[in-house]
Amino acid sequence: MGKSCQPSAAEREKLKQWIAAHGTPHQVALRCRIVLAAAAGKPDVAIAEQLSVNRNTVILWRKRFGEEGLDGLWDIAPGRRRKPLYEIDKIAAIVDATLQTKPAGMTHWSCRTMAQNQSVSKSTVGNIWRARKLAARSHEDFQAVARSEIPGEDDRRGGPVSESAATGNRALR
């Protein structure tokens, strides 16, 4: 039998809530089940068989709960996350090129032309643009957010109109 872990009544209730919650990651719910089974006095081997995990996993999470409490169940070990596909410098280069330049002979970047220019896939460019709320409609549209923050700049849909508006010819100033 591994290190004993005896959660308080409040901790037991919290563990049960996390197990029942739909938003709790699977790995955290599994850790909660391990701790509750250990608190019930079950041996490590029985817990491992019941939850279909390795006995060392049971020992690890009993020990971690004993040392760190509830917060330790949410920790993810370094190196266990998905590695980023592109470095921050590459993403910054794509965003800067999108906002600061336009391709020769064209009015705006497309995913394909930007991908070819930056030596990445078109889906990568699309993902980066989507994450930063950039769209490939036109070079001016890429800068719409920055332009709308300029004080005194008129909104295209509701801005003032010239005197020719009376004749039905709406023109922006």
N, C-alpha and C. Protein backbone atom coordinates (compact mmCIF):
# COMPACT_ATOMS: atom_id res chain seq x y z
N MET A 1 0.84 -1.18 0.00
CA MET A 1 0.00 0.00 0.00
C MET A 1 0.88 1.23 0.00
N GLY A 2 0.53 2.24 -0.80
CA GLY A 2 1.30 3.47 -0.93
C GLY A 2 1.07 4.42 0.21
N LYS A 3 1.60 5.60 0.07
CA LYS A 3 1.46 6.64 1.08
C LYS A 3 -0.02 6.95 1.28
N SER A 4 -0.42 7.05 2.54
CA SER A 4 -1.85 7.30 2.79
C SER A 4 -2.17 8.75 2.50
N CYS A 5 -3.34 8.95 1.96
CA CYS A 5 -3.81 10.31 1.74
C CYS A 5 -5.24 10.39 2.25
N GLN A 6 -5.44 11.25 3.19
CA GLN A 6 -6.75 11.39 3.81
C GLN A 6 -7.27 12.80 3.58
N PRO A 7 -8.07 13.01 2.54
CA PRO A 7 -8.63 14.34 2.31
C PRO A 7 -9.67 14.69 3.37
N SER A 8 -9.78 15.97 3.67
CA SER A 8 -10.80 16.44 4.61
C SER A 8 -12.17 16.30 3.95
N ALA A 9 -13.21 16.55 4.73
CA ALA A 9 -14.58 16.44 4.19
C ALA A 9 -14.78 17.45 3.05
N ALA A 10 -14.25 18.65 3.22
CA ALA A 10 -14.39 19.67 2.17
C ALA A 10 -13.62 19.26 0.91
N GLU A 11 -12.43 18.67 1.11
CA GLU A 11 -11.65 18.21 -0.05
C GLU A 11 -12.34 17.05 -0.77
N ARG A 12 -12.94 16.15 0.01
CA ARG A 12 -13.69 15.03 -0.61
C ARG A 12 -14.82 15.57 -1.47
N GLU A 13 -15.53 16.55 -0.94
CA GLU A 13 -16.65 17.13 -1.69
C GLU A 13 -16.16 17.79 -2.97
N LYS A 14 -15.03 18.49 -2.89
CA LYS A 14 -14.46 19.15 -4.06
C LYS A 14 -14.03 18.10 -5.09
N LEU A 15 -13.42 17.02 -4.64
CA LEU A 15 -13.00 15.95 -5.55
C LEU A 15 -14.21 15.35 -6.27
N LYS A 16 -15.29 15.13 -5.55
CA LYS A 16 -16.51 14.58 -6.16
C LYS A 16 -17.11 15.55 -7.17
N GLN A 17 -17.07 16.85 -6.85
CA GLN A 17 -17.57 17.85 -7.80
C GLN A 17 -16.76 17.85 -9.08
N TRP A 18 -15.44 17.77 -8.95
CA TRP A 18 -14.58 17.77 -10.13
C TRP A 18 -14.82 16.53 -10.99
N ILE A 19 -15.06 15.40 -10.36
CA ILE A 19 -15.33 14.17 -11.12
C ILE A 19 -16.64 14.31 -11.90
N ALA A 20 -17.65 14.90 -11.27
CA ALA A 20 -18.97 15.02 -11.89
C ALA A 20 -19.06 16.13 -12.93
N ALA A 21 -18.19 17.13 -12.83
CA ALA A 21 -18.26 18.28 -13.73
C ALA A 21 -17.86 17.90 -15.15
N HIS A 22 -18.60 18.38 -16.12
CA HIS A 22 -18.30 18.08 -17.52
C HIS A 22 -17.07 18.82 -18.02
N GLY A 23 -16.73 19.93 -17.40
CA GLY A 23 -15.60 20.73 -17.85
C GLY A 23 -14.27 20.29 -17.30
N THR A 24 -14.26 19.35 -16.37
CA THR A 24 -13.01 18.88 -15.79
C THR A 24 -12.25 18.01 -16.79
N PRO A 25 -10.97 18.30 -17.03
CA PRO A 25 -10.19 17.45 -17.93
C PRO A 25 -10.17 16.00 -17.44
N HIS A 26 -10.14 15.08 -18.37
CA HIS A 26 -10.17 13.65 -18.06
C HIS A 26 -9.04 13.27 -17.10
N GLN A 27 -7.85 13.78 -17.34
CA GLN A 27 -6.71 13.40 -16.51
C GLN A 27 -6.89 13.86 -15.07
N VAL A 28 -7.53 15.01 -14.87
CA VAL A 28 -7.76 15.51 -13.51
C VAL A 28 -8.83 14.66 -12.82
N ALA A 29 -9.88 14.31 -13.55
CA ALA A 29 -10.93 13.46 -12.98
C ALA A 29 -10.36 12.10 -12.58
N LEU A 30 -9.46 11.55 -13.39
CA LEU A 30 -8.83 10.28 -13.06
C LEU A 30 -8.02 10.42 -11.77
N ARG A 31 -7.29 11.50 -11.62
CA ARG A 31 -6.49 11.72 -10.41
C ARG A 31 -7.40 11.83 -9.19
N CYS A 32 -8.54 12.48 -9.35
CA CYS A 32 -9.50 12.59 -8.25
C CYS A 32 -10.03 11.22 -7.84
N ARG A 33 -10.32 10.38 -8.83
CA ARG A 33 -10.80 9.02 -8.54
C ARG A 33 -9.73 8.21 -7.79
N ILE A 34 -8.48 8.40 -8.17
CA ILE A 34 -7.38 7.71 -7.49
C ILE A 34 -7.33 8.13 -6.03
N VAL A 35 -7.40 9.43 -5.77
CA VAL A 35 -7.31 9.94 -4.40
C VAL A 35 -8.50 9.45 -3.57
N LEU A 36 -9.70 9.49 -4.13
CA LEU A 36 -10.88 9.03 -3.39
C LEU A 36 -10.81 7.53 -3.09
N ALA A 37 -10.34 6.75 -4.05
CA ALA A 37 -10.20 5.31 -3.81
C ALA A 37 -9.15 5.03 -2.75
N ALA A 38 -8.06 5.79 -2.79
CA ALA A 38 -7.01 5.63 -1.78
C ALA A 38 -7.53 6.02 -0.40
N ALA A 39 -8.33 7.07 -0.34
CA ALA A 39 -8.91 7.50 0.93
C ALA A 39 -9.87 6.46 1.49
N ALA A 40 -10.48 5.68 0.60
CA ALA A 40 -11.40 4.62 1.03
C ALA A 40 -10.64 3.41 1.56
N GLY A 41 -9.31 3.43 1.46
CA GLY A 41 -8.50 2.35 2.01
C GLY A 41 -8.16 1.24 1.04
N LYS A 42 -8.43 1.43 -0.23
CA LYS A 42 -8.12 0.39 -1.22
C LYS A 42 -6.61 0.34 -1.47
N PRO A 43 -6.07 -0.86 -1.71
CA PRO A 43 -4.64 -0.96 -2.03
C PRO A 43 -4.35 -0.43 -3.45
N ASP A 44 -3.10 -0.06 -3.66
CA ASP A 44 -2.67 0.51 -4.94
C ASP A 44 -3.00 -0.40 -6.12
N VAL A 45 -2.76 -1.69 -5.96
CA VAL A 45 -2.98 -2.65 -7.05
C VAL A 45 -4.46 -2.68 -7.43
N ALA A 46 -5.33 -2.68 -6.44
CA ALA A 46 -6.78 -2.72 -6.70
C ALA A 46 -7.24 -1.44 -7.40
N ILE A 47 -6.71 -0.30 -6.96
CA ILE A 47 -7.07 0.98 -7.59
C ILE A 47 -6.61 0.97 -9.04
N ALA A 48 -5.38 0.51 -9.27
CA ALA A 48 -4.82 0.47 -10.63
C ALA A 48 -5.67 -0.41 -11.53
N GLU A 49 -6.09 -1.56 -11.05
CA GLU A 49 -6.92 -2.45 -11.86
C GLU A 49 -8.29 -1.84 -12.13
N GLN A 50 -8.88 -1.26 -11.09
CA GLN A 50 -10.22 -0.68 -11.22
C GLN A 50 -10.24 0.46 -12.24
N LEU A 51 -9.20 1.30 -12.22
CA LEU A 51 -9.17 2.49 -13.09
C LEU A 51 -8.36 2.26 -14.37
N SER A 52 -7.85 1.06 -14.56
CA SER A 52 -7.07 0.70 -15.76
C SER A 52 -5.86 1.61 -15.96
N VAL A 53 -5.11 1.78 -14.88
CA VAL A 53 -3.87 2.55 -14.95
C VAL A 53 -2.74 1.72 -14.34
N ASN A 54 -1.54 2.19 -14.49
CA ASN A 54 -0.38 1.53 -13.93
C ASN A 54 -0.33 1.79 -12.42
N ARG A 55 0.19 0.83 -11.67
CA ARG A 55 0.31 0.99 -10.22
C ARG A 55 1.19 2.19 -9.86
N ASN A 56 2.21 2.46 -10.68
CA ASN A 56 3.08 3.62 -10.42
C ASN A 56 2.31 4.93 -10.54
N THR A 57 1.31 4.96 -11.42
CA THR A 57 0.47 6.16 -11.55
C THR A 57 -0.31 6.40 -10.27
N VAL A 58 -0.84 5.34 -9.69
CA VAL A 58 -1.58 5.46 -8.42
C VAL A 58 -0.65 5.97 -7.32
N ILE A 59 0.54 5.39 -7.25
CA ILE A 59 1.52 5.80 -6.23
C ILE A 59 1.88 7.28 -6.41
N LEU A 60 2.11 7.69 -7.65
CA LEU A 60 2.48 9.08 -7.94
C LEU A 60 1.41 10.05 -7.45
N TRP A 61 0.14 9.80 -7.78
CA TRP A 61 -0.91 10.76 -7.45
C TRP A 61 -1.30 10.73 -5.98
N ARG A 62 -1.14 9.59 -5.32
CA ARG A 62 -1.33 9.56 -3.86
C ARG A 62 -0.27 10.43 -3.20
N LYS A 63 0.96 10.26 -3.66
CA LYS A 63 2.08 11.03 -3.09
C LYS A 63 1.90 12.52 -3.38
N ARG A 64 1.57 12.85 -4.62
CA ARG A 64 1.40 14.26 -5.00
C ARG A 64 0.28 14.92 -4.19
N PHE A 65 -0.84 14.20 -3.98
CA PHE A 65 -1.93 14.77 -3.19
C PHE A 65 -1.49 14.96 -1.74
N GLY A 66 -0.73 14.01 -1.20
CA GLY A 66 -0.22 14.14 0.16
C GLY A 66 0.70 15.34 0.34
N GLU A 67 1.47 15.66 -0.70
CA GLU A 67 2.43 16.77 -0.62
C GLU A 67 1.82 18.12 -0.97
N GLU A 68 0.97 18.15 -2.01
CA GLU A 68 0.50 19.43 -2.54
C GLU A 68 -1.00 19.68 -2.37
N GLY A 69 -1.74 18.67 -1.99
CA GLY A 69 -3.18 18.84 -1.80
C GLY A 69 -3.92 18.89 -3.13
N LEU A 70 -5.07 19.56 -3.12
CA LEU A 70 -5.93 19.63 -4.32
C LEU A 70 -5.23 20.29 -5.50
N ASP A 71 -4.46 21.34 -5.23
CA ASP A 71 -3.80 22.06 -6.33
C ASP A 71 -2.84 21.18 -7.11
N GLY A 72 -2.24 20.21 -6.45
CA GLY A 72 -1.29 19.31 -7.12
C GLY A 72 -1.94 18.42 -8.16
N LEU A 73 -3.26 18.21 -8.05
CA LEU A 73 -3.95 17.35 -9.02
C LEU A 73 -4.10 18.02 -10.38
N TRP A 74 -4.02 19.34 -10.42
CA TRP A 74 -4.19 20.09 -11.67
C TRP A 74 -2.87 20.36 -12.39
N ASP A 75 -1.76 20.06 -11.76
CA ASP A 75 -0.46 20.34 -12.36
C ASP A 75 -0.20 19.43 -13.56
N ILE A 76 0.36 20.03 -14.60
CA ILE A 76 0.77 19.27 -15.77
C ILE A 76 2.29 19.36 -15.83
N ALA A 77 2.94 18.23 -15.89
CA ALA A 77 4.39 18.19 -15.88
C ALA A 77 4.97 18.90 -17.09
N PRO A 78 6.13 19.53 -16.95
CA PRO A 78 6.75 20.19 -18.09
C PRO A 78 7.02 19.19 -19.21
N GLY A 79 6.83 19.64 -20.43
CA GLY A 79 7.07 18.79 -21.58
C GLY A 79 5.89 17.93 -21.96
N ARG A 80 4.79 18.04 -21.24
CA ARG A 80 3.63 17.21 -21.52
C ARG A 80 2.60 17.92 -22.39
N ARG A 81 2.84 19.15 -22.73
CA ARG A 81 1.90 19.88 -23.58
C ARG A 81 2.28 19.71 -25.05
N ARG A 82 1.34 20.05 -25.90
CA ARG A 82 1.62 20.01 -27.33
C ARG A 82 2.63 21.10 -27.67
N LYS A 83 3.60 20.76 -28.43
CA LYS A 83 4.64 21.71 -28.80
C LYS A 83 4.10 22.68 -29.85
N PRO A 84 4.44 23.96 -29.75
CA PRO A 84 3.99 24.90 -30.78
C PRO A 84 4.60 24.56 -32.13
N LEU A 85 3.81 24.69 -33.17
CA LEU A 85 4.29 24.33 -34.50
C LEU A 85 5.25 25.39 -35.05
N TYR A 86 5.00 26.63 -34.73
CA TYR A 86 5.85 27.71 -35.23
C TYR A 86 6.26 28.60 -34.07
N GLU A 87 7.45 29.12 -34.17
CA GLU A 87 7.95 29.99 -33.12
C GLU A 87 7.25 31.35 -33.19
N ILE A 88 7.32 32.06 -32.12
CA ILE A 88 6.67 33.37 -32.02
C ILE A 88 7.21 34.32 -33.08
N ASP A 89 8.50 34.21 -33.40
CA ASP A 89 9.10 35.07 -34.42
C ASP A 89 8.45 34.87 -35.78
N LYS A 90 8.14 33.61 -36.12
CA LYS A 90 7.52 33.32 -37.42
C LYS A 90 6.11 33.87 -37.47
N ILE A 91 5.37 33.71 -36.38
CA ILE A 91 4.00 34.24 -36.31
C ILE A 91 4.03 35.76 -36.42
N ALA A 92 4.96 36.39 -35.71
CA ALA A 92 5.08 37.85 -35.76
C ALA A 92 5.43 38.32 -37.18
N ALA A 93 6.29 37.57 -37.87
CA ALA A 93 6.67 37.94 -39.24
C ALA A 93 5.46 37.88 -40.17
N ILE A 94 4.61 36.87 -40.00
CA ILE A 94 3.42 36.74 -40.85
C ILE A 94 2.44 37.88 -40.56
N VAL A 95 2.21 38.18 -39.30
CA VAL A 95 1.29 39.26 -38.94
C VAL A 95 1.83 40.61 -39.42
N ASP A 96 3.12 40.85 -39.23
CA ASP A 96 3.72 42.11 -39.69
C ASP A 96 3.63 42.25 -41.20
N ALA A 97 3.95 41.18 -41.91
CA ALA A 97 3.87 41.23 -43.37
C ALA A 97 2.44 41.47 -43.82
N THR A 98 1.48 40.90 -43.12
CA THR A 98 0.07 41.08 -43.45
C THR A 98 -0.34 42.54 -43.29
N LEU A 99 0.07 43.14 -42.19
CA LEU A 99 -0.37 44.51 -41.89
C LEU A 99 0.47 45.59 -42.55
N GLN A 100 1.74 45.31 -42.85
CA GLN A 100 2.65 46.35 -43.32
C GLN A 100 2.92 46.33 -44.82
N THR A 101 2.67 45.21 -45.48
CA THR A 101 3.03 45.11 -46.90
C THR A 101 1.85 44.60 -47.71
N LYS A 102 2.00 44.64 -49.02
CA LYS A 102 1.06 43.97 -49.90
C LYS A 102 1.86 43.39 -51.07
N PRO A 103 1.37 42.32 -51.66
CA PRO A 103 2.14 41.67 -52.72
C PRO A 103 2.19 42.53 -53.98
N ALA A 104 3.25 42.34 -54.75
CA ALA A 104 3.44 43.12 -55.97
C ALA A 104 2.29 42.86 -56.95
N GLY A 105 1.70 43.93 -57.44
CA GLY A 105 0.65 43.82 -58.45
C GLY A 105 -0.70 43.39 -57.91
N MET A 106 -0.86 43.31 -56.58
CA MET A 106 -2.13 42.90 -55.99
C MET A 106 -2.54 43.90 -54.91
N THR A 107 -3.83 43.88 -54.59
CA THR A 107 -4.33 44.82 -53.59
C THR A 107 -4.25 44.27 -52.17
N HIS A 108 -4.16 42.95 -52.01
CA HIS A 108 -4.12 42.37 -50.67
C HIS A 108 -3.51 40.97 -50.74
N TRP A 109 -3.16 40.47 -49.56
CA TRP A 109 -2.61 39.13 -49.46
C TRP A 109 -3.72 38.10 -49.46
N SER A 110 -3.47 36.98 -50.09
CA SER A 110 -4.34 35.82 -49.92
C SER A 110 -3.58 34.84 -49.04
N CYS A 111 -4.27 33.87 -48.50
CA CYS A 111 -3.60 32.85 -47.67
C CYS A 111 -2.48 32.18 -48.45
N ARG A 112 -2.76 31.89 -49.72
CA ARG A 112 -1.78 31.16 -50.53
C ARG A 112 -0.54 32.01 -50.85
N THR A 113 -0.76 33.28 -51.20
CA THR A 113 0.40 34.11 -51.52
C THR A 113 1.23 34.40 -50.27
N MET A 114 0.56 34.61 -49.13
CA MET A 114 1.29 34.84 -47.88
C MET A 114 2.04 33.58 -47.47
N ALA A 115 1.42 32.42 -47.64
CA ALA A 115 2.07 31.16 -47.28
C ALA A 115 3.31 30.94 -48.13
N GLN A 116 3.20 31.22 -49.42
CA GLN A 116 4.35 31.05 -50.30
C GLN A 116 5.45 32.03 -49.93
N ASN A 117 5.08 33.26 -49.61
CA ASN A 117 6.04 34.29 -49.24
C ASN A 117 6.76 33.95 -47.94
N GLN A 118 6.06 33.34 -46.99
CA GLN A 118 6.64 33.06 -45.67
C GLN A 118 7.12 31.61 -45.51
N SER A 119 6.97 30.80 -46.56
CA SER A 119 7.41 29.39 -46.55
C SER A 119 6.71 28.56 -45.47
N VAL A 120 5.39 28.75 -45.39
CA VAL A 120 4.55 27.94 -44.50
C VAL A 120 3.34 27.48 -45.30
N SER A 121 2.50 26.66 -44.69
CA SER A 121 1.31 26.19 -45.40
C SER A 121 0.20 27.24 -45.36
N LYS A 122 -0.73 27.14 -46.30
CA LYS A 122 -1.84 28.09 -46.35
C LYS A 122 -2.74 27.94 -45.13
N SER A 123 -2.87 26.73 -44.61
CA SER A 123 -3.69 26.56 -43.41
C SER A 123 -3.05 27.21 -42.19
N THR A 124 -1.71 27.23 -42.15
CA THR A 124 -1.02 27.90 -41.06
C THR A 124 -1.31 29.40 -41.10
N VAL A 125 -1.22 29.99 -42.27
CA VAL A 125 -1.53 31.41 -42.41
C VAL A 125 -2.98 31.66 -42.02
N GLY A 126 -3.89 30.82 -42.50
CA GLY A 126 -5.29 30.97 -42.15
C GLY A 126 -5.53 30.88 -40.65
N ASN A 127 -4.87 29.94 -39.99
CA ASN A 127 -5.01 29.80 -38.54
C ASN A 127 -4.49 31.02 -37.80
N ILE A 128 -3.35 31.53 -38.24
CA ILE A 128 -2.77 32.72 -37.60
C ILE A 128 -3.68 33.92 -37.80
N TRP A 129 -4.18 34.12 -39.02
CA TRP A 129 -5.08 35.24 -39.28
C TRP A 129 -6.36 35.11 -38.47
N ARG A 130 -6.91 33.92 -38.41
CA ARG A 130 -8.16 33.71 -37.67
C ARG A 130 -7.96 33.98 -36.18
N ALA A 131 -6.84 33.53 -35.63
CA ALA A 131 -6.56 33.72 -34.21
C ALA A 131 -6.40 35.20 -33.86
N ARG A 132 -5.94 35.98 -34.82
CA ARG A 132 -5.74 37.41 -34.59
C ARG A 132 -6.81 38.28 -35.22
N LYS A 133 -7.88 37.64 -35.68
CA LYS A 133 -9.02 38.32 -36.28
C LYS A 133 -8.62 39.19 -37.47
N LEU A 134 -7.74 38.66 -38.30
CA LEU A 134 -7.36 39.32 -39.55
C LEU A 134 -8.10 38.61 -40.67
N ALA A 135 -8.48 39.36 -41.70
CA ALA A 135 -9.19 38.76 -42.83
C ALA A 135 -8.48 39.14 -44.11
N ALA A 136 -8.62 38.30 -45.13
CA ALA A 136 -7.92 38.50 -46.39
C ALA A 136 -8.77 39.23 -47.41
N ARG A 137 -9.63 40.14 -46.99
CA ARG A 137 -10.50 40.82 -47.95
C ARG A 137 -9.74 41.88 -48.74
N SER A 138 -9.06 42.75 -48.05
CA SER A 138 -8.23 43.73 -48.75
C SER A 138 -7.18 44.26 -47.79
N HIS A 139 -6.17 44.91 -48.34
CA HIS A 139 -5.09 45.46 -47.54
C HIS A 139 -5.65 46.47 -46.54
N GLU A 140 -6.66 47.25 -46.94
CA GLU A 140 -7.25 48.24 -46.05
C GLU A 140 -8.00 47.57 -44.91
N ASP A 141 -8.68 46.46 -45.18
CA ASP A 141 -9.44 45.77 -44.15
C ASP A 141 -8.53 45.21 -43.06
N PHE A 142 -7.29 44.82 -43.42
CA PHE A 142 -6.38 44.29 -42.41
C PHE A 142 -6.11 45.35 -41.35
N GLN A 143 -6.15 46.62 -41.74
CA GLN A 143 -5.83 47.69 -40.82
C GLN A 143 -7.08 48.36 -40.26
N ALA A 144 -8.24 47.74 -40.44
CA ALA A 144 -9.49 48.35 -40.00
C ALA A 144 -9.50 48.57 -38.50
N VAL A 145 -8.96 47.67 -37.72
CA VAL A 145 -8.96 47.82 -36.28
C VAL A 145 -8.12 49.02 -35.87
N ALA A 146 -6.93 49.14 -36.45
CA ALA A 146 -6.06 50.25 -36.11
C ALA A 146 -6.67 51.58 -36.54
N ARG A 147 -7.30 51.62 -37.70
CA ARG A 147 -7.87 52.84 -38.23
C ARG A 147 -9.08 53.29 -37.40
N SER A 148 -9.87 52.35 -36.90
CA SER A 148 -11.06 52.71 -36.13
C SER A 148 -10.69 53.31 -34.78
N GLU A 149 -9.46 53.13 -34.33
CA GLU A 149 -9.04 53.67 -33.05
C GLU A 149 -8.52 55.10 -33.18
N ILE A 150 -8.38 55.63 -34.39
CA ILE A 150 -7.88 56.98 -34.60
C ILE A 150 -8.99 57.98 -34.28
N PRO A 151 -8.76 58.88 -33.31
CA PRO A 151 -9.81 59.85 -33.00
C PRO A 151 -10.08 60.78 -34.17
N GLY A 152 -11.33 61.13 -34.38
CA GLY A 152 -11.70 62.03 -35.47
C GLY A 152 -11.89 61.34 -36.79
N GLU A 153 -11.58 60.08 -36.89
CA GLU A 153 -11.75 59.34 -38.13
C GLU A 153 -13.22 58.98 -38.28
N ASP A 154 -13.81 59.27 -39.43
CA ASP A 154 -15.24 59.05 -39.64
C ASP A 154 -15.52 57.59 -39.98
N ASP A 155 -16.63 57.11 -39.47
CA ASP A 155 -17.08 55.76 -39.79
C ASP A 155 -17.64 55.77 -41.19
N ARG A 156 -17.31 54.78 -41.99
CA ARG A 156 -17.74 54.76 -43.39
C ARG A 156 -19.24 54.67 -43.53
N ARG A 157 -19.91 53.98 -42.61
CA ARG A 157 -21.35 53.81 -42.76
C ARG A 157 -22.13 54.99 -42.22
N GLY A 158 -21.63 55.65 -41.19
CA GLY A 158 -22.43 56.70 -40.57
C GLY A 158 -21.76 58.05 -40.57
N GLY A 159 -20.68 58.23 -41.32
CA GLY A 159 -19.93 59.48 -41.32
C GLY A 159 -20.66 60.58 -42.05
N PRO A 160 -20.11 61.79 -41.94
CA PRO A 160 -20.75 62.94 -42.61
C PRO A 160 -20.71 62.80 -44.13
N VAL A 161 -21.65 63.41 -44.78
CA VAL A 161 -21.74 63.35 -46.23
C VAL A 161 -21.50 64.74 -46.81
N SER A 162 -21.14 64.79 -48.07
CA SER A 162 -20.88 66.07 -48.72
C SER A 162 -22.20 66.73 -49.12
N GLU A 163 -22.10 67.92 -49.65
CA GLU A 163 -23.30 68.67 -50.03
C GLU A 163 -24.05 68.00 -51.17
N SER A 164 -23.37 67.17 -51.94
CA SER A 164 -24.04 66.51 -53.05
C SER A 164 -25.00 65.41 -52.58
N ALA A 165 -25.05 65.20 -51.25
CA ALA A 165 -25.96 64.19 -50.72
C ALA A 165 -27.41 64.59 -50.97
N ALA A 166 -27.65 65.90 -51.03
CA ALA A 166 -29.02 66.37 -51.25
C ALA A 166 -29.51 65.92 -52.63
N THR A 167 -28.61 65.77 -53.57
CA THR A 167 -29.01 65.34 -54.92
C THR A 167 -29.08 63.83 -55.03
N GLY A 168 -28.83 63.12 -53.91
CA GLY A 168 -28.89 61.67 -53.92
C GLY A 168 -27.56 61.02 -54.22
N ASN A 169 -26.53 61.81 -54.36
CA ASN A 169 -25.20 61.29 -54.65
C ASN A 169 -24.39 61.31 -53.35
N ARG A 170 -24.50 60.25 -52.53
CA ARG A 170 -23.81 60.21 -51.23
C ARG A 170 -22.31 60.03 -51.43
N ALA A 171 -21.56 60.91 -50.90
CA ALA A 171 -20.10 60.80 -50.96
C ALA A 171 -19.54 61.12 -49.61
N LEU A 172 -18.55 60.37 -49.20
CA LEU A 172 -17.91 60.62 -47.90
C LEU A 172 -16.92 61.74 -48.03
N ARG A 173 -16.77 62.50 -46.99
CA ARG A 173 -15.74 63.55 -46.99
C ARG A 173 -14.38 62.97 -46.88
